[in-house]
Protein backbone atom coordinates (compact mmCIF):
# COMPACT_ATOMS: atom_id res chain seq x y z
CA MET A 1 3.33 8.39 -14.58
CA PHE A 2 4.87 4.90 -15.75
CA LYS A 3 6.71 4.61 -18.82
CA LYS A 4 5.16 3.05 -22.18
CA ARG A 5 7.21 -0.17 -22.03
CA GLU A 6 6.62 -0.84 -18.47
CA THR A 7 3.63 -2.68 -17.14
CA LEU A 8 1.84 -1.02 -14.24
CA ARG A 9 2.76 -3.38 -11.70
CA GLN A 10 6.63 -3.00 -12.91
CA SER A 11 6.37 0.53 -12.34
CA LEU A 12 4.48 0.11 -8.97
CA ILE A 13 7.87 -1.92 -7.85
CA ASN A 14 9.96 0.78 -9.40
CA CYS A 15 8.26 3.70 -7.30
CA LEU A 16 8.88 1.73 -4.12
CA GLU A 17 12.19 0.97 -4.82
CA SER A 18 13.12 4.60 -5.47
CA ALA A 19 11.18 6.04 -2.38
CA SER A 20 13.21 7.16 0.49
CA ARG A 21 10.30 6.46 2.92
CA PRO A 22 7.14 4.26 2.78
CA LEU A 23 4.42 5.24 0.59
CA GLY A 24 0.64 5.04 0.95
CA TYR A 25 -2.02 4.52 -1.68
CA ARG A 26 -2.64 8.22 -2.73
CA ASP A 27 1.25 8.84 -3.00
CA LEU A 28 1.10 5.75 -5.40
CA SER A 29 -1.69 7.12 -7.34
CA VAL A 30 -0.17 10.05 -8.19
CA MET A 31 3.07 8.96 -8.74
CA LEU A 32 1.48 6.22 -11.24
CA GLY A 33 -1.52 8.41 -12.62
CA VAL A 34 -3.95 5.67 -11.74
CA SER A 35 -6.82 5.36 -9.14
CA GLU A 36 -6.30 4.64 -5.64
CA LYS A 37 -9.03 2.23 -6.24
CA ASP A 38 -7.08 -0.07 -8.46
CA LEU A 39 -4.09 -0.37 -6.52
CA PRO A 40 -5.04 -2.64 -3.77
CA ALA A 41 -5.66 -5.77 -6.14
CA HIS A 42 -2.12 -4.68 -7.84
CA ILE A 43 -0.26 -4.38 -4.45
CA GLN A 44 -1.42 -8.09 -3.65
CA HIS A 45 -0.19 -9.35 -6.96
CA VAL A 46 3.24 -7.55 -6.42
CA ALA A 47 3.93 -8.91 -2.91
CA LYS A 48 3.39 -12.42 -4.29
CA SER A 49 5.77 -11.61 -7.15
CA LEU A 50 8.39 -10.21 -4.89
CA ARG A 51 8.13 -13.12 -2.95
CA SER A 52 8.94 -15.51 -5.62
CA GLN A 53 12.07 -13.16 -6.26
CA GLY A 54 13.25 -13.51 -2.59
CA ARG A 55 12.10 -10.09 -1.72
CA GLN A 56 9.12 -8.72 0.68
CA LEU A 57 6.80 -6.06 0.34
CA ILE A 58 6.39 -4.83 4.04
CA VAL A 59 3.13 -3.16 5.02
CA ILE A 60 3.05 -0.82 7.68
CA PRO A 61 -0.24 -1.37 8.97
CA ALA A 62 -3.66 1.07 8.91
CA SER A 63 -4.22 2.86 12.36
CA CYS A 64 -6.80 4.94 13.97
CA LYS A 65 -5.95 8.66 14.23
CA THR A 66 -8.17 9.20 17.40
CA CYS A 67 -7.40 6.17 19.51
CA GLY A 68 -4.14 5.13 17.83
CA HIS A 69 -5.65 0.96 17.08
CA GLU A 70 -3.17 -0.60 14.93
CA PHE A 71 -4.75 -3.10 12.15
CA ASP A 72 -1.67 -5.17 12.48
CA LYS A 73 -3.67 -8.46 12.10
CA ARG A 74 -5.70 -7.43 8.92
CA ARG A 75 -4.75 -9.75 6.18
CA LYS A 76 -6.52 -7.07 3.73
CA VAL A 77 -4.33 -4.38 2.09
CA THR A 78 -7.26 -1.83 1.88
CA LYS A 79 -8.06 0.79 4.35
CA PRO A 80 -10.46 -0.49 6.86
CA SER A 81 -13.75 1.69 6.97
CA ARG A 82 -13.86 2.08 10.78
CA CYS A 83 -12.10 1.14 14.02
CA PRO A 84 -13.40 -1.52 15.86
CA ARG A 85 -12.38 -0.05 19.28
CA CYS A 86 -13.33 3.53 19.36
CA ARG A 87 -16.03 3.25 15.77
CA SER A 88 -14.20 6.30 14.30
CA GLU A 89 -13.89 6.51 10.65
CA ARG A 90 -10.53 8.89 10.80
CA ILE A 91 -8.19 6.17 9.79
CA ASP A 92 -4.50 6.48 8.49
CA PRO A 93 -4.16 3.85 5.42
CA PRO A 94 -1.55 1.45 5.20
CA LEU A 95 1.80 2.17 4.01
CA PHE A 96 4.14 0.14 1.70
CA THR A 97 7.89 -0.21 1.18
CA LEU A 98 10.52 -2.92 0.00
CA GLN A 99 12.71 -4.56 1.80
């Protein structure tokens, strides 16, 4: 859960800074106490805010658990619904870290 004096986006940045490994939507959702569905919009805004500070949000792309396809050219930060190569719905979501 985030502190009362911090905004959700400030808490999101603090969680990513303090993490020892890249975090996914489920990890961030549990840490911040918000819905996973709300996080993509906040992640995109945090990426813009960090760019203006000379920092960078690193996105480790989603990948297919069945065939290993990586969604590295995808611009959206949401989890894809299915793999374009094998049509499997077993997708690992993207992970996030700060640089």
